[in-house]
Amino acid sequence: MADAGPAEPGGPGASRAQEWRGQRLGLPASGAGSLAPSGQRLAALAVDVVLSGLVAGLFTAPELPRNWSLLVFLIEYVAFTTAFGQTPGMRLIGLRVIRVDRPARVGLVRALIRTVLVALLIPALIWDQDARCIHDQLSQTAVVRA
């Protein structure tokens, strides 16, 4: 049997490179609805972490909130993502969470998956070719510009 060799450019089995991040998800290259850059995502997360610490501190003062701030963060992330599709930090930075499988609300189950994996940190450090982290891939969501 003869070896078929590599696929011809443009032929069957040839994979076309994306022209922009999110193209294969059907997202625009720029503007509203395009994938959010990592820096903006990190800034939104930082705002949410600080906000959670401040809210937890209201209940634990004069002591530091310690792990109570993590509990507040988890509740904030799930509640706001489910209800509004964005956390307060995302709102401030101009981002939102969308489903990539169909146009619908993110929902409680997807928000829980995302939140637990974000809290574990490691899944948030592993990206795909669209710069979507594991928590976005497993929950079939993406963070986009609002």
N, C-alpha and C. Protein backbone atom coordinates (compact mmCIF):
# COMPACT_ATOMS: atom_id res chain seq x y z
N MET A 1 0.83 -1.18 0.00
CA MET A 1 0.00 0.00 0.00
C MET A 1 0.88 1.24 0.00
N ALA A 2 0.49 2.19 -0.78
CA ALA A 2 1.24 3.44 -0.87
C ALA A 2 0.79 4.38 0.24
N ASP A 3 1.74 5.11 0.77
CA ASP A 3 1.43 6.09 1.80
C ASP A 3 0.74 7.28 1.15
N ALA A 4 -0.36 7.71 1.73
CA ALA A 4 -1.12 8.82 1.17
C ALA A 4 -0.39 10.14 1.33
N GLY A 5 0.53 10.24 2.27
CA GLY A 5 1.28 11.48 2.47
C GLY A 5 0.42 12.51 3.19
N PRO A 6 0.97 13.71 3.35
CA PRO A 6 0.23 14.76 4.05
C PRO A 6 -0.95 15.25 3.22
N ALA A 7 -1.93 15.79 3.90
CA ALA A 7 -3.11 16.31 3.22
C ALA A 7 -2.73 17.50 2.34
N GLU A 8 -3.35 17.59 1.20
CA GLU A 8 -3.12 18.71 0.30
C GLU A 8 -3.68 19.98 0.92
N PRO A 9 -3.02 21.13 0.71
CA PRO A 9 -3.57 22.37 1.24
C PRO A 9 -4.98 22.61 0.69
N GLY A 10 -5.91 22.83 1.57
CA GLY A 10 -7.28 23.08 1.17
C GLY A 10 -8.07 21.82 0.86
N GLY A 11 -7.41 20.66 0.87
CA GLY A 11 -8.08 19.40 0.57
C GLY A 11 -8.76 18.84 1.80
N PRO A 12 -9.41 17.69 1.65
CA PRO A 12 -10.05 17.09 2.82
C PRO A 12 -9.01 16.70 3.86
N GLY A 13 -9.33 16.95 5.08
CA GLY A 13 -8.42 16.62 6.18
C GLY A 13 -7.45 17.74 6.50
N ALA A 14 -7.41 18.76 5.66
CA ALA A 14 -6.52 19.88 5.94
C ALA A 14 -7.20 20.79 6.96
N SER A 15 -6.47 21.24 7.95
CA SER A 15 -7.06 22.14 8.93
C SER A 15 -6.61 23.56 8.64
N ARG A 16 -7.54 24.46 8.66
CA ARG A 16 -7.25 25.85 8.39
C ARG A 16 -6.96 26.57 9.69
N ALA A 17 -5.93 27.36 9.71
CA ALA A 17 -5.60 28.11 10.91
C ALA A 17 -6.63 29.24 11.09
N GLN A 18 -6.89 29.57 12.32
CA GLN A 18 -7.80 30.67 12.61
C GLN A 18 -7.13 31.98 12.23
N GLU A 19 -7.92 32.92 11.79
CA GLU A 19 -7.41 34.26 11.51
C GLU A 19 -7.41 35.11 12.77
N TRP A 20 -8.29 34.79 13.74
CA TRP A 20 -8.33 35.48 15.03
C TRP A 20 -8.83 34.52 16.10
N ARG A 21 -8.51 34.87 17.35
CA ARG A 21 -8.97 34.05 18.47
C ARG A 21 -10.49 34.10 18.54
N GLY A 22 -11.12 32.95 18.65
CA GLY A 22 -12.56 32.88 18.75
C GLY A 22 -13.28 32.67 17.43
N GLN A 23 -12.55 32.66 16.33
CA GLN A 23 -13.18 32.48 15.03
C GLN A 23 -13.92 31.15 14.95
N ARG A 24 -13.30 30.08 15.44
CA ARG A 24 -13.94 28.77 15.37
C ARG A 24 -15.15 28.67 16.29
N LEU A 25 -15.29 29.61 17.23
CA LEU A 25 -16.45 29.66 18.12
C LEU A 25 -17.55 30.55 17.54
N GLY A 26 -17.27 31.18 16.41
CA GLY A 26 -18.24 32.06 15.79
C GLY A 26 -18.25 33.46 16.40
N LEU A 27 -17.17 33.85 17.07
CA LEU A 27 -17.10 35.15 17.71
C LEU A 27 -16.38 36.14 16.79
N PRO A 28 -16.70 37.42 16.88
CA PRO A 28 -16.05 38.42 16.04
C PRO A 28 -14.58 38.62 16.41
N ALA A 29 -13.83 39.21 15.50
CA ALA A 29 -12.40 39.44 15.72
C ALA A 29 -12.15 40.53 16.75
N SER A 30 -13.00 41.53 16.81
CA SER A 30 -12.80 42.64 17.74
C SER A 30 -14.14 43.24 18.12
N GLY A 31 -14.11 44.12 19.09
CA GLY A 31 -15.32 44.79 19.53
C GLY A 31 -16.17 43.93 20.46
N ALA A 32 -17.41 44.37 20.65
CA ALA A 32 -18.33 43.66 21.54
C ALA A 32 -18.54 42.24 21.05
N GLY A 33 -18.45 41.29 21.97
CA GLY A 33 -18.65 39.88 21.64
C GLY A 33 -17.38 39.14 21.28
N SER A 34 -16.26 39.86 21.16
CA SER A 34 -14.99 39.19 20.87
C SER A 34 -14.37 38.70 22.17
N LEU A 35 -13.51 37.69 22.06
CA LEU A 35 -12.88 37.14 23.27
C LEU A 35 -12.10 38.21 24.02
N ALA A 36 -12.24 38.19 25.32
CA ALA A 36 -11.56 39.16 26.18
C ALA A 36 -10.08 38.81 26.30
N PRO A 37 -9.22 39.82 26.27
CA PRO A 37 -7.79 39.57 26.48
C PRO A 37 -7.52 39.10 27.92
N SER A 38 -6.45 38.35 28.08
CA SER A 38 -6.09 37.81 29.39
C SER A 38 -5.89 38.89 30.43
N GLY A 39 -5.31 40.02 30.06
CA GLY A 39 -5.07 41.11 31.01
C GLY A 39 -6.36 41.66 31.59
N GLN A 40 -7.38 41.81 30.74
CA GLN A 40 -8.66 42.31 31.23
C GLN A 40 -9.34 41.27 32.11
N ARG A 41 -9.21 40.01 31.76
CA ARG A 41 -9.79 38.95 32.59
C ARG A 41 -9.13 38.94 33.96
N LEU A 42 -7.82 39.07 33.99
CA LEU A 42 -7.08 39.09 35.24
C LEU A 42 -7.46 40.31 36.09
N ALA A 43 -7.63 41.46 35.45
CA ALA A 43 -8.03 42.68 36.17
C ALA A 43 -9.41 42.49 36.79
N ALA A 44 -10.34 41.89 36.05
CA ALA A 44 -11.68 41.64 36.59
C ALA A 44 -11.62 40.68 37.78
N LEU A 45 -10.80 39.65 37.68
CA LEU A 45 -10.64 38.71 38.78
C LEU A 45 -10.06 39.42 40.01
N ALA A 46 -9.08 40.28 39.81
CA ALA A 46 -8.47 41.02 40.92
C ALA A 46 -9.51 41.89 41.63
N VAL A 47 -10.36 42.55 40.85
CA VAL A 47 -11.42 43.37 41.44
C VAL A 47 -12.35 42.50 42.28
N ASP A 48 -12.72 41.34 41.74
CA ASP A 48 -13.63 40.44 42.47
C ASP A 48 -12.99 39.91 43.76
N VAL A 49 -11.70 39.61 43.71
CA VAL A 49 -11.00 39.11 44.90
C VAL A 49 -10.96 40.19 45.98
N VAL A 50 -10.62 41.41 45.60
CA VAL A 50 -10.56 42.51 46.56
C VAL A 50 -11.94 42.79 47.14
N LEU A 51 -12.94 42.82 46.27
CA LEU A 51 -14.31 43.06 46.73
C LEU A 51 -14.76 41.99 47.71
N SER A 52 -14.44 40.74 47.42
CA SER A 52 -14.80 39.63 48.32
C SER A 52 -14.14 39.79 49.67
N GLY A 53 -12.87 40.17 49.67
CA GLY A 53 -12.16 40.39 50.93
C GLY A 53 -12.78 41.52 51.74
N LEU A 54 -13.18 42.60 51.06
CA LEU A 54 -13.80 43.73 51.76
C LEU A 54 -15.16 43.34 52.34
N VAL A 55 -15.97 42.63 51.58
CA VAL A 55 -17.28 42.20 52.08
C VAL A 55 -17.11 41.25 53.25
N ALA A 56 -16.22 40.28 53.12
CA ALA A 56 -15.99 39.34 54.23
C ALA A 56 -15.48 40.08 55.45
N GLY A 57 -14.65 41.10 55.23
CA GLY A 57 -14.11 41.89 56.33
C GLY A 57 -15.18 42.62 57.12
N LEU A 58 -16.28 42.97 56.46
CA LEU A 58 -17.39 43.62 57.17
C LEU A 58 -17.97 42.72 58.25
N PHE A 59 -17.92 41.41 58.01
CA PHE A 59 -18.51 40.46 58.95
C PHE A 59 -17.51 39.94 59.98
N THR A 60 -16.24 40.09 59.71
CA THR A 60 -15.23 39.54 60.63
C THR A 60 -14.45 40.62 61.39
N ALA A 61 -14.69 41.89 61.08
CA ALA A 61 -13.94 42.99 61.71
C ALA A 61 -14.09 42.91 63.22
N PRO A 62 -13.09 43.17 63.97
CA PRO A 62 -11.80 43.73 63.59
C PRO A 62 -10.77 42.68 63.13
N GLU A 63 -11.15 41.41 63.13
CA GLU A 63 -10.25 40.37 62.66
C GLU A 63 -10.19 40.38 61.12
N LEU A 64 -9.12 39.82 60.56
CA LEU A 64 -9.03 39.66 59.11
C LEU A 64 -9.99 38.55 58.66
N PRO A 65 -10.49 38.62 57.44
CA PRO A 65 -11.49 37.64 57.00
C PRO A 65 -10.97 36.23 56.77
N ARG A 66 -9.68 36.07 56.55
CA ARG A 66 -9.08 34.76 56.27
C ARG A 66 -9.85 34.01 55.20
N ASN A 67 -10.26 32.77 55.46
CA ASN A 67 -10.95 31.96 54.44
C ASN A 67 -12.39 32.39 54.18
N TRP A 68 -12.93 33.26 55.01
CA TRP A 68 -14.28 33.76 54.77
C TRP A 68 -14.35 34.53 53.45
N SER A 69 -13.24 35.16 53.09
CA SER A 69 -13.24 35.90 51.82
C SER A 69 -13.36 34.94 50.63
N LEU A 70 -12.84 33.72 50.76
CA LEU A 70 -12.99 32.72 49.70
C LEU A 70 -14.46 32.30 49.57
N LEU A 71 -15.13 32.13 50.71
CA LEU A 71 -16.55 31.78 50.68
C LEU A 71 -17.36 32.90 50.00
N VAL A 72 -17.07 34.14 50.37
CA VAL A 72 -17.76 35.27 49.74
C VAL A 72 -17.47 35.29 48.24
N PHE A 73 -16.23 35.05 47.86
CA PHE A 73 -15.86 35.02 46.44
C PHE A 73 -16.66 33.97 45.69
N LEU A 74 -16.76 32.76 46.24
CA LEU A 74 -17.49 31.68 45.59
C LEU A 74 -18.97 32.04 45.41
N ILE A 75 -19.56 32.58 46.46
CA ILE A 75 -20.97 32.97 46.39
C ILE A 75 -21.17 34.09 45.37
N GLU A 76 -20.29 35.09 45.42
CA GLU A 76 -20.38 36.22 44.49
C GLU A 76 -20.27 35.73 43.05
N TYR A 77 -19.27 34.92 42.78
CA TYR A 77 -19.02 34.46 41.41
C TYR A 77 -20.19 33.66 40.86
N VAL A 78 -20.72 32.73 41.66
CA VAL A 78 -21.86 31.92 41.20
C VAL A 78 -23.10 32.78 41.04
N ALA A 79 -23.43 33.57 42.04
CA ALA A 79 -24.66 34.35 42.02
C ALA A 79 -24.68 35.36 40.87
N PHE A 80 -23.61 36.13 40.73
CA PHE A 80 -23.59 37.16 39.70
C PHE A 80 -23.48 36.58 38.29
N THR A 81 -22.71 35.50 38.13
CA THR A 81 -22.61 34.88 36.81
C THR A 81 -23.95 34.28 36.40
N THR A 82 -24.63 33.64 37.34
CA THR A 82 -25.94 33.06 37.03
C THR A 82 -26.97 34.13 36.73
N ALA A 83 -27.05 35.15 37.57
CA ALA A 83 -28.09 36.17 37.44
C ALA A 83 -27.84 37.17 36.32
N PHE A 84 -26.58 37.61 36.16
CA PHE A 84 -26.29 38.71 35.25
C PHE A 84 -25.33 38.37 34.12
N GLY A 85 -24.68 37.20 34.20
CA GLY A 85 -23.70 36.84 33.18
C GLY A 85 -22.39 37.57 33.34
N GLN A 86 -22.20 38.22 34.45
CA GLN A 86 -20.94 38.91 34.75
C GLN A 86 -20.83 39.18 36.24
N THR A 87 -19.61 39.16 36.72
CA THR A 87 -19.34 39.48 38.12
C THR A 87 -19.17 41.00 38.22
N PRO A 88 -19.14 41.55 39.44
CA PRO A 88 -18.90 42.99 39.55
C PRO A 88 -17.58 43.42 38.89
N GLY A 89 -16.54 42.60 39.03
CA GLY A 89 -15.27 42.93 38.40
C GLY A 89 -15.38 42.94 36.88
N MET A 90 -16.09 41.97 36.33
CA MET A 90 -16.29 41.94 34.88
C MET A 90 -17.09 43.15 34.42
N ARG A 91 -18.09 43.53 35.20
CA ARG A 91 -18.91 44.70 34.85
C ARG A 91 -18.04 45.95 34.80
N LEU A 92 -17.19 46.11 35.80
CA LEU A 92 -16.32 47.29 35.88
C LEU A 92 -15.34 47.33 34.71
N ILE A 93 -14.80 46.18 34.31
CA ILE A 93 -13.81 46.11 33.24
C ILE A 93 -14.47 46.06 31.86
N GLY A 94 -15.75 45.70 31.79
CA GLY A 94 -16.45 45.65 30.51
C GLY A 94 -16.43 44.28 29.87
N LEU A 95 -16.61 43.24 30.68
CA LEU A 95 -16.60 41.87 30.18
C LEU A 95 -17.89 41.17 30.59
N ARG A 96 -18.17 40.04 29.96
CA ARG A 96 -19.29 39.20 30.36
C ARG A 96 -19.01 37.77 29.96
N VAL A 97 -19.76 36.84 30.57
CA VAL A 97 -19.62 35.41 30.29
C VAL A 97 -20.78 35.00 29.38
N ILE A 98 -20.46 34.28 28.31
CA ILE A 98 -21.50 33.77 27.41
C ILE A 98 -21.33 32.27 27.24
N ARG A 99 -22.39 31.63 26.81
CA ARG A 99 -22.32 30.23 26.42
C ARG A 99 -21.88 30.19 24.96
N VAL A 100 -21.03 29.23 24.63
CA VAL A 100 -20.59 29.12 23.24
C VAL A 100 -21.34 28.04 22.48
N ASP A 101 -22.10 27.20 23.20
CA ASP A 101 -22.81 26.12 22.52
C ASP A 101 -24.15 26.58 21.95
N ARG A 102 -24.76 27.59 22.56
CA ARG A 102 -26.01 28.14 22.04
C ARG A 102 -26.30 29.45 22.77
N PRO A 103 -27.10 30.31 22.15
CA PRO A 103 -27.41 31.58 22.84
C PRO A 103 -28.42 31.36 23.96
N ALA A 104 -27.97 31.44 25.16
CA ALA A 104 -28.81 31.28 26.34
C ALA A 104 -28.05 31.80 27.55
N ARG A 105 -28.73 31.91 28.67
CA ARG A 105 -28.06 32.34 29.91
C ARG A 105 -27.04 31.29 30.32
N VAL A 106 -26.06 31.71 31.08
CA VAL A 106 -25.01 30.79 31.53
C VAL A 106 -25.61 29.69 32.40
N GLY A 107 -26.46 30.03 33.33
CA GLY A 107 -27.12 29.04 34.17
C GLY A 107 -26.31 28.64 35.39
N LEU A 108 -26.99 28.09 36.36
CA LEU A 108 -26.39 27.74 37.64
C LEU A 108 -25.32 26.65 37.52
N VAL A 109 -25.58 25.60 36.78
CA VAL A 109 -24.62 24.49 36.69
C VAL A 109 -23.32 24.95 36.06
N ARG A 110 -23.39 25.68 34.96
CA ARG A 110 -22.17 26.17 34.31
C ARG A 110 -21.44 27.18 35.20
N ALA A 111 -22.20 28.01 35.90
CA ALA A 111 -21.58 28.98 36.81
C ALA A 111 -20.86 28.26 37.94
N LEU A 112 -21.45 27.18 38.46
CA LEU A 112 -20.80 26.39 39.51
C LEU A 112 -19.51 25.75 39.02
N ILE A 113 -19.56 25.16 37.83
CA ILE A 113 -18.36 24.54 37.24
C ILE A 113 -17.25 25.57 37.10
N ARG A 114 -17.59 26.70 36.50
CA ARG A 114 -16.59 27.77 36.29
C ARG A 114 -16.00 28.22 37.62
N THR A 115 -16.86 28.45 38.61
CA THR A 115 -16.41 29.01 39.88
C THR A 115 -15.49 28.06 40.63
N VAL A 116 -15.87 26.80 40.70
CA VAL A 116 -15.03 25.82 41.40
C VAL A 116 -13.66 25.73 40.74
N LEU A 117 -13.64 25.68 39.42
CA LEU A 117 -12.36 25.57 38.71
C LEU A 117 -11.53 26.85 38.80
N VAL A 118 -12.17 28.00 38.81
CA VAL A 118 -11.44 29.27 39.00
C VAL A 118 -10.81 29.28 40.39
N ALA A 119 -11.55 28.82 41.40
CA ALA A 119 -11.04 28.81 42.77
C ALA A 119 -9.84 27.87 42.92
N LEU A 120 -9.79 26.83 42.11
CA LEU A 120 -8.65 25.90 42.16
C LEU A 120 -7.39 26.48 41.53
N LEU A 121 -7.51 27.54 40.78
CA LEU A 121 -6.44 28.31 40.12
C LEU A 121 -5.72 27.58 38.98
N ILE A 122 -5.30 26.35 39.15
CA ILE A 122 -4.54 25.64 38.12
C ILE A 122 -5.30 25.57 36.79
N PRO A 123 -6.60 25.21 36.78
CA PRO A 123 -7.32 25.18 35.50
C PRO A 123 -7.35 26.54 34.80
N ALA A 124 -7.28 27.61 35.57
CA ALA A 124 -7.29 28.94 34.97
C ALA A 124 -5.96 29.29 34.31
N LEU A 125 -4.95 28.48 34.52
CA LEU A 125 -3.63 28.75 33.94
C LEU A 125 -3.36 27.94 32.68
N ILE A 126 -4.29 27.08 32.28
CA ILE A 126 -4.11 26.24 31.09
C ILE A 126 -5.12 26.69 30.04
N TRP A 127 -4.60 27.10 28.86
CA TRP A 127 -5.42 27.68 27.81
C TRP A 127 -5.42 26.82 26.56
N ASP A 128 -6.44 27.02 25.73
CA ASP A 128 -6.48 26.40 24.41
C ASP A 128 -6.07 27.42 23.36
N GLN A 129 -6.24 27.11 22.08
CA GLN A 129 -5.80 28.00 21.01
C GLN A 129 -6.58 29.31 20.97
N ASP A 130 -7.73 29.36 21.62
CA ASP A 130 -8.51 30.58 21.69
C ASP A 130 -8.21 31.37 22.97
N ALA A 131 -7.26 30.91 23.76
CA ALA A 131 -6.92 31.49 25.06
C ALA A 131 -8.08 31.35 26.04
N ARG A 132 -8.88 30.30 25.86
CA ARG A 132 -9.94 29.97 26.82
C ARG A 132 -9.37 28.98 27.82
N CYS A 133 -9.58 29.24 29.09
CA CYS A 133 -9.05 28.39 30.15
C CYS A 133 -9.91 27.13 30.30
N ILE A 134 -9.40 26.18 31.06
CA ILE A 134 -10.10 24.91 31.25
C ILE A 134 -11.50 25.13 31.82
N HIS A 135 -11.65 26.09 32.74
CA HIS A 135 -12.98 26.31 33.32
C HIS A 135 -13.98 26.78 32.26
N ASP A 136 -13.51 27.52 31.26
CA ASP A 136 -14.39 27.93 30.17
C ASP A 136 -14.67 26.76 29.22
N GLN A 137 -13.67 25.96 28.96
CA GLN A 137 -13.85 24.83 28.06
C GLN A 137 -14.85 23.82 28.63
N LEU A 138 -14.69 23.47 29.91
CA LEU A 138 -15.55 22.47 30.53
C LEU A 138 -16.99 22.96 30.73
N SER A 139 -17.15 24.25 30.91
CA SER A 139 -18.50 24.80 31.09
C SER A 139 -19.08 25.34 29.79
N GLN A 140 -18.36 25.17 28.69
CA GLN A 140 -18.78 25.64 27.37
C GLN A 140 -19.16 27.11 27.41
N THR A 141 -18.27 27.90 28.00
CA THR A 141 -18.47 29.34 28.09
C THR A 141 -17.25 30.07 27.56
N ALA A 142 -17.39 31.37 27.41
CA ALA A 142 -16.26 32.22 27.03
C ALA A 142 -16.47 33.58 27.67
N VAL A 143 -15.38 34.24 28.01
CA VAL A 143 -15.46 35.60 28.53
C VAL A 143 -15.19 36.52 27.35
N VAL A 144 -16.16 37.39 27.09
CA VAL A 144 -16.08 38.28 25.93
C VAL A 144 -16.20 39.73 26.37
N ARG A 145 -15.84 40.61 25.45
CA ARG A 145 -16.03 42.04 25.71
C ARG A 145 -17.53 42.36 25.68
N ALA A 146 -17.97 43.18 26.62
CA ALA A 146 -19.41 43.51 26.69
C ALA A 146 -19.77 44.57 25.67
